[in-house]
Amino acid sequence: MPIQEIRAFNRFYTNLIGALDYGKHLYTPYTLTESRVLYELAHSARTDAADLRGELSIDAGYLSRLLAKFERDGLVARAPSERDPRRQRITLTDRGRKAAALLDERSRQAVGALVVDMPERDRDRLAEALGTVRELLSQVRPGSAAEPVLRDPAPGDLGWIVQRHGALYAAEYGWDAGFEGLVARIVADFAPEHDPRLERVWIAELDGRPVGSVMCVRDDEPDTARLRLLLVEPEARGHGLGDRLVRTAVDFARDAGYRDMVLWTNDVLTAARRIYRRAGFTLVAEKPHRSYGADLVGQDWRLSLEEGTDR
């Protein structure tokens, strides 16, 4: 049984990140729990109080007192939920969004300091190992047995794709609004006049809410499809959903008669790159660039869709 190893890792990591320091977290006026609630309010598609309780496994009374404190401090506003007037919808005020942004920045700096001197190959090993841990433990987490379904976008889903890309990439990589603008243009180009026989969007839905997306569109290169806008919400990761979304898009492109499929990504998206590699994509080109407020390395990947070929 790996009980002792898991406990030893817990002790090591909580000391490493200073999680046991009483009171202020990341040199801000907020505790670790308060910081996590602010993060969820800033980056979760669900902001009802009941959803927060379920996502964070927080006692209802404790969460109520915490939200009351946030309301007194001008960080949140509370109102009846649009989905169910009996529930409370929690939204961040301008002051609350600034507080959440500060926590995001401090968190990125803290984690970045842990790996800044680490060789790139070791960073990849670390990301791979952490992904494996999350995948294995999520399989035994209560309520993790639900299986996402893939469906066509419903009204509002294309806007959801834009909003979630903007919010998640800002939270996880510090990218600015330029990336959200790029996603908005991609969606706008697809929405008005696409041929459903050759182009398609899939939404992954779990428990009645969207948790992922992927798109297959025609590329400028003849007989070539382009994979775009792969996204999996943090709460839905660790279940192979990213692989499933990519595999679905690849199968669609092959059935539609495309000979090749291409995609463009950035080297910092290590989890996505592993998904592409597992699907059979090959890295064919790299180029440094400055975009979305960050120094990045863009990558072009390609997959042959013809049986028995590997080009």
Protein backbone atom coordinates (compact mmCIF):
# COMPACT_ATOMS: atom_id res chain seq x y z
CA MET A 1 0.00 0.00 0.00
CA PRO A 2 1.37 3.46 -0.91
CA ILE A 3 -0.14 5.10 2.18
CA GLN A 4 3.18 6.06 3.77
CA GLU A 5 4.55 7.45 0.49
CA ILE A 6 1.43 9.56 -0.06
CA ARG A 7 1.55 10.91 3.48
CA ALA A 8 5.26 11.65 3.16
CA PHE A 9 4.64 13.52 -0.09
CA ASN A 10 1.82 15.51 1.52
CA ARG A 11 4.13 16.58 4.35
CA PHE A 12 6.93 17.45 1.91
CA TYR A 13 4.76 19.47 -0.47
CA THR A 14 2.78 21.40 2.15
CA ASN A 15 6.08 22.48 3.70
CA LEU A 16 7.53 23.32 0.28
CA ILE A 17 4.71 25.71 -0.66
CA GLY A 18 4.17 27.10 2.84
CA ALA A 19 0.60 25.81 3.08
CA LEU A 20 0.88 25.47 6.85
CA ASP A 21 1.69 29.14 7.41
CA TYR A 22 -1.16 30.52 9.49
CA GLY A 23 -3.18 33.41 8.11
CA LYS A 24 -1.85 35.15 5.03
CA HIS A 25 -1.38 33.13 1.83
CA LEU A 26 1.12 34.24 -0.86
CA TYR A 27 1.73 37.45 1.10
CA THR A 28 -1.90 38.54 0.68
CA PRO A 29 -4.58 39.17 3.35
CA TYR A 30 -6.28 35.83 2.55
CA THR A 31 -6.00 32.35 3.99
CA LEU A 32 -5.43 29.36 1.73
CA THR A 33 -9.14 28.46 1.79
CA GLU A 34 -10.19 32.05 1.05
CA SER A 35 -7.72 32.16 -1.83
CA ARG A 36 -9.13 28.95 -3.29
CA VAL A 37 -12.70 30.26 -3.12
CA LEU A 38 -11.64 33.47 -4.89
CA TYR A 39 -9.92 31.38 -7.57
CA GLU A 40 -13.05 29.31 -8.18
CA LEU A 41 -15.21 32.43 -8.39
CA ALA A 42 -12.83 33.95 -10.95
CA HIS A 43 -12.34 30.89 -13.12
CA SER A 44 -15.25 28.47 -12.69
CA ALA A 45 -18.19 28.44 -15.05
CA ARG A 46 -20.41 27.64 -12.03
CA THR A 47 -20.67 30.23 -9.27
CA ASP A 48 -23.73 29.20 -7.28
CA ALA A 49 -22.95 28.76 -3.58
CA ALA A 50 -24.09 25.13 -3.78
CA ASP A 51 -21.68 24.49 -6.65
CA LEU A 52 -18.82 25.99 -4.64
CA ARG A 53 -19.64 23.74 -1.69
CA GLY A 54 -19.62 20.66 -3.90
CA GLU A 55 -16.48 21.58 -5.83
CA LEU A 56 -14.41 22.46 -2.77
CA SER A 57 -16.01 20.12 -0.21
CA ILE A 58 -16.48 23.02 2.22
CA ASP A 59 -18.91 22.93 5.14
CA ALA A 60 -22.01 24.97 4.26
CA GLY A 61 -21.85 27.07 7.43
CA TYR A 62 -18.15 27.84 6.98
CA LEU A 63 -18.65 28.82 3.34
CA SER A 64 -21.59 31.05 4.28
CA ARG A 65 -19.47 32.89 6.87
CA LEU A 66 -16.59 33.22 4.40
CA LEU A 67 -18.87 34.67 1.68
CA ALA A 68 -20.41 37.06 4.21
CA LYS A 69 -16.91 38.30 5.03
CA PHE A 70 -16.14 38.72 1.30
CA GLU A 71 -19.39 40.66 0.89
CA ARG A 72 -18.51 42.99 3.79
CA ASP A 73 -15.08 43.56 2.23
CA GLY A 74 -16.66 44.42 -1.11
CA LEU A 75 -15.21 41.38 -2.92
CA VAL A 76 -18.45 39.62 -3.92
CA ALA A 77 -22.10 40.30 -4.60
CA ARG A 78 -24.90 37.80 -3.91
CA ALA A 79 -28.20 37.42 -5.76
CA PRO A 80 -30.75 34.69 -6.61
CA SER A 81 -29.41 32.15 -9.11
CA GLU A 82 -30.64 32.41 -12.69
CA ARG A 83 -30.98 28.62 -12.79
CA ASP A 84 -32.87 28.28 -9.52
CA PRO A 85 -34.10 31.30 -7.50
CA ARG A 86 -33.83 29.20 -4.33
CA ARG A 87 -30.04 29.12 -4.77
CA GLN A 88 -27.52 31.93 -4.35
CA ARG A 89 -25.40 33.14 -7.24
CA ILE A 90 -22.04 34.59 -6.19
CA THR A 91 -20.18 37.03 -8.45
CA LEU A 92 -16.94 38.92 -7.97
CA THR A 93 -16.98 42.70 -7.85
CA ASP A 94 -14.25 44.75 -9.53
CA ARG A 95 -12.39 44.71 -6.23
CA GLY A 96 -12.83 40.94 -6.00
CA ARG A 97 -11.49 40.42 -9.52
CA LYS A 98 -8.42 42.48 -8.68
CA ALA A 99 -7.86 40.39 -5.56
CA ALA A 100 -8.20 37.15 -7.55
CA ALA A 101 -5.81 38.47 -10.21
CA LEU A 102 -3.25 39.32 -7.54
CA LEU A 103 -3.50 35.80 -6.11
CA ASP A 104 -3.09 34.31 -9.60
CA GLU A 105 0.04 36.37 -10.19
CA ARG A 106 1.56 35.51 -6.81
CA SER A 107 0.77 31.82 -7.31
CA ARG A 108 2.42 31.77 -10.75
CA GLN A 109 5.48 33.47 -9.30
CA ALA A 110 5.67 31.00 -6.41
CA VAL A 111 5.37 27.93 -8.63
CA GLY A 112 7.68 29.43 -11.22
CA ALA A 113 10.35 29.89 -8.55
CA LEU A 114 10.20 26.14 -7.82
CA VAL A 115 11.10 25.15 -11.39
CA VAL A 116 13.02 28.16 -12.73
CA ASP A 117 16.41 26.42 -12.44
CA MET A 118 15.09 22.98 -13.40
CA PRO A 119 16.26 21.59 -16.79
CA GLU A 120 13.50 21.40 -19.39
CA ARG A 121 13.63 17.59 -19.53
CA ASP A 122 13.03 17.47 -15.77
CA ARG A 123 10.13 19.93 -16.07
CA ASP A 124 8.53 17.57 -18.59
CA ARG A 125 9.10 14.62 -16.25
CA LEU A 126 7.53 16.58 -13.40
CA ALA A 127 4.48 17.54 -15.47
CA GLU A 128 4.08 13.92 -16.62
CA ALA A 129 4.33 12.61 -13.06
CA LEU A 130 1.84 15.13 -11.68
CA GLY A 131 -0.60 14.30 -14.46
CA THR A 132 -0.29 10.61 -13.60
CA VAL A 133 -0.92 11.29 -9.90
CA ARG A 134 -4.03 13.34 -10.67
CA GLU A 135 -5.33 10.72 -13.10
CA LEU A 136 -4.88 7.82 -10.67
CA LEU A 137 -6.32 9.58 -7.63
CA SER A 138 -9.27 11.01 -9.57
CA GLN A 139 -10.35 7.44 -10.34
CA VAL A 140 -11.01 6.79 -6.65
CA ARG A 141 -12.49 10.21 -5.82
CA PRO A 142 -16.19 10.00 -4.87
CA GLY A 143 -18.41 11.01 -7.75
CA SER A 144 -15.68 10.59 -10.36
CA ALA A 145 -17.45 7.77 -12.21
CA ALA A 146 -19.63 10.06 -14.33
CA GLU A 147 -18.73 9.90 -18.01
CA PRO A 148 -18.74 13.09 -20.13
CA VAL A 149 -20.79 13.05 -23.32
CA LEU A 150 -19.74 14.75 -26.57
CA ARG A 151 -22.41 16.74 -28.40
CA ASP A 152 -22.92 19.53 -30.92
CA PRO A 153 -22.83 23.08 -29.55
CA ALA A 154 -26.10 24.50 -28.21
CA PRO A 155 -26.96 28.24 -28.17
CA GLY A 156 -24.40 29.99 -25.96
CA ASP A 157 -21.76 27.26 -26.21
CA LEU A 158 -19.59 29.08 -28.75
CA GLY A 159 -19.48 32.07 -26.41
CA TRP A 160 -18.61 29.68 -23.58
CA ILE A 161 -15.61 28.42 -25.59
CA VAL A 162 -14.30 31.97 -25.93
CA GLN A 163 -14.89 32.87 -22.28
CA ARG A 164 -13.38 29.69 -20.85
CA HIS A 165 -10.28 29.84 -23.05
CA GLY A 166 -9.69 33.41 -21.95
CA ALA A 167 -10.22 32.71 -18.25
CA LEU A 168 -8.32 29.42 -18.01
CA TYR A 169 -5.28 30.48 -20.00
CA ALA A 170 -5.06 33.69 -17.99
CA ALA A 171 -5.25 31.69 -14.75
CA GLU A 172 -2.88 28.89 -15.71
CA TYR A 173 -0.36 30.64 -17.96
CA GLY A 174 -0.83 34.36 -17.34
CA TRP A 175 -1.83 35.08 -20.94
CA ASP A 176 -3.50 38.42 -21.61
CA ALA A 177 -6.72 39.29 -23.46
CA GLY A 178 -4.98 38.93 -26.82
CA PHE A 179 -5.46 35.17 -26.60
CA GLU A 180 -9.16 35.48 -25.87
CA GLY A 181 -9.39 37.77 -28.90
CA LEU A 182 -7.74 35.11 -31.07
CA VAL A 183 -10.23 32.48 -29.89
CA ALA A 184 -13.11 34.89 -30.55
CA ARG A 185 -11.92 35.36 -34.14
CA ILE A 186 -11.62 31.60 -34.67
CA VAL A 187 -15.16 31.07 -33.40
CA ALA A 188 -16.49 34.01 -35.43
CA ASP A 189 -14.93 32.61 -38.61
CA PHE A 190 -16.53 29.22 -37.97
CA ALA A 191 -20.01 30.24 -36.85
CA PRO A 192 -21.68 31.89 -39.91
CA GLU A 193 -21.02 29.58 -42.86
CA HIS A 194 -19.36 26.26 -42.17
CA ASP A 195 -19.95 23.02 -44.07
CA PRO A 196 -21.04 20.45 -41.43
CA ARG A 197 -19.74 17.66 -43.66
CA LEU A 198 -16.21 19.06 -43.41
CA GLU A 199 -16.14 21.19 -40.26
CA ARG A 200 -17.48 20.58 -36.79
CA VAL A 201 -17.30 21.59 -33.12
CA TRP A 202 -17.80 19.24 -30.17
CA ILE A 203 -18.75 20.20 -26.64
CA ALA A 204 -17.97 17.79 -23.80
CA GLU A 205 -20.76 17.86 -21.23
CA LEU A 206 -20.65 16.47 -17.69
CA ASP A 207 -23.62 16.55 -15.32
CA GLY A 208 -25.44 18.96 -17.63
CA ARG A 209 -22.66 21.53 -17.98
CA PRO A 210 -19.91 22.04 -20.61
CA VAL A 211 -16.45 20.94 -19.53
CA GLY A 212 -14.50 20.74 -22.80
CA SER A 213 -14.32 21.53 -26.49
CA VAL A 214 -12.51 20.81 -29.73
CA MET A 215 -12.92 21.96 -33.34
CA CYS A 216 -12.12 20.51 -36.77
CA VAL A 217 -11.99 23.01 -39.66
CA ARG A 218 -10.63 23.16 -43.20
CA ASP A 219 -7.05 24.33 -43.50
CA ASP A 220 -5.72 26.53 -46.31
CA GLU A 221 -3.63 23.57 -47.44
CA PRO A 222 -5.59 21.28 -49.81
CA ASP A 223 -7.05 18.05 -48.38
CA THR A 224 -5.96 19.11 -44.90
CA ALA A 225 -8.00 19.57 -41.73
CA ARG A 226 -6.94 21.72 -38.78
CA LEU A 227 -7.53 20.83 -35.12
CA ARG A 228 -8.37 23.86 -32.98
CA LEU A 229 -9.61 25.00 -29.56
CA LEU A 230 -8.96 21.88 -27.50
CA LEU A 231 -9.95 22.63 -23.91
CA VAL A 232 -10.71 20.53 -20.83
CA GLU A 233 -11.90 22.16 -17.60
CA PRO A 234 -9.68 21.42 -14.57
CA GLU A 235 -12.52 19.59 -12.82
CA ALA A 236 -12.83 17.16 -15.77
CA ARG A 237 -9.14 16.40 -16.24
CA GLY A 238 -7.57 13.07 -15.42
CA HIS A 239 -10.26 11.00 -17.16
CA GLY A 240 -8.82 10.86 -20.69
CA LEU A 241 -11.28 13.46 -21.95
CA GLY A 242 -8.63 15.35 -23.90
CA ASP A 243 -7.61 12.15 -25.72
CA ARG A 244 -11.25 11.41 -26.46
CA LEU A 245 -11.92 14.87 -27.89
CA VAL A 246 -8.85 14.73 -30.14
CA ARG A 247 -9.61 11.16 -31.24
CA THR A 248 -13.17 12.19 -32.15
CA ALA A 249 -11.94 15.11 -34.26
CA VAL A 250 -9.34 12.90 -35.99
CA ASP A 251 -11.93 10.23 -36.80
CA PHE A 252 -14.27 12.88 -38.21
CA ALA A 253 -11.50 14.34 -40.39
CA ARG A 254 -10.57 10.91 -41.71
CA ASP A 255 -14.21 10.02 -42.50
CA ALA A 256 -14.65 13.41 -44.21
CA GLY A 257 -11.91 12.52 -46.68
CA TYR A 258 -9.05 14.70 -45.48
CA ARG A 259 -5.56 13.30 -46.12
CA ASP A 260 -3.78 15.13 -43.30
CA MET A 261 -4.57 16.95 -40.08
CA VAL A 262 -2.46 19.78 -38.66
CA LEU A 263 -2.48 21.89 -35.52
CA TRP A 264 -0.57 24.77 -33.96
CA THR A 265 0.22 24.96 -30.26
CA ASN A 266 2.85 26.30 -27.85
CA ASP A 267 5.58 24.42 -26.06
CA VAL A 268 4.34 25.39 -22.58
CA LEU A 269 1.15 23.37 -23.10
CA THR A 270 2.81 20.14 -22.03
CA ALA A 271 -0.39 18.20 -21.26
CA ALA A 272 -1.87 19.05 -24.67
CA ARG A 273 1.35 18.09 -26.43
CA ARG A 274 1.25 14.66 -24.78
CA ILE A 275 -2.32 14.20 -26.03
CA TYR A 276 -1.31 15.12 -29.58
CA ARG A 277 1.63 12.74 -29.49
CA ARG A 278 -0.55 9.88 -28.26
CA ALA A 279 -2.96 10.58 -31.13
CA GLY A 280 -0.10 10.12 -33.60
CA PHE A 281 0.74 13.75 -34.37
CA THR A 282 4.39 14.58 -35.09
CA LEU A 283 6.15 17.85 -34.34
CA VAL A 284 7.33 19.30 -37.67
CA ALA A 285 8.39 22.90 -36.89
CA GLU A 286 9.06 25.32 -34.03
CA LYS A 287 9.42 29.11 -33.91
CA PRO A 288 9.83 31.52 -30.97
CA HIS A 289 7.31 34.35 -30.75
CA ARG A 290 6.01 36.99 -28.36
CA SER A 291 2.24 36.74 -27.94
CA TYR A 292 -0.44 37.16 -25.26
CA GLY A 293 2.07 38.97 -23.02
CA ALA A 294 4.49 36.02 -22.90
CA ASP A 295 7.61 34.70 -24.66
CA LEU A 296 6.55 31.42 -26.27
CA VAL A 297 7.69 28.79 -28.75
CA GLY A 298 5.01 28.02 -31.33
CA GLN A 299 4.85 24.48 -32.67
CA ASP A 300 3.34 22.96 -35.83
CA TRP A 301 2.19 19.34 -35.60
CA ARG A 302 0.98 17.03 -38.39
CA LEU A 303 -0.83 13.70 -38.68
CA SER A 304 -1.35 11.64 -41.83
CA LEU A 305 -4.93 10.35 -42.06
CA GLU A 306 -4.24 7.86 -44.81
CA GLU A 307 -4.09 4.26 -43.66
CA GLY A 308 -0.63 2.70 -43.68
CA THR A 309 1.28 5.96 -44.12
CA ASP A 310 3.46 7.96 -41.79
CA ARG A 311 4.46 11.23 -43.41
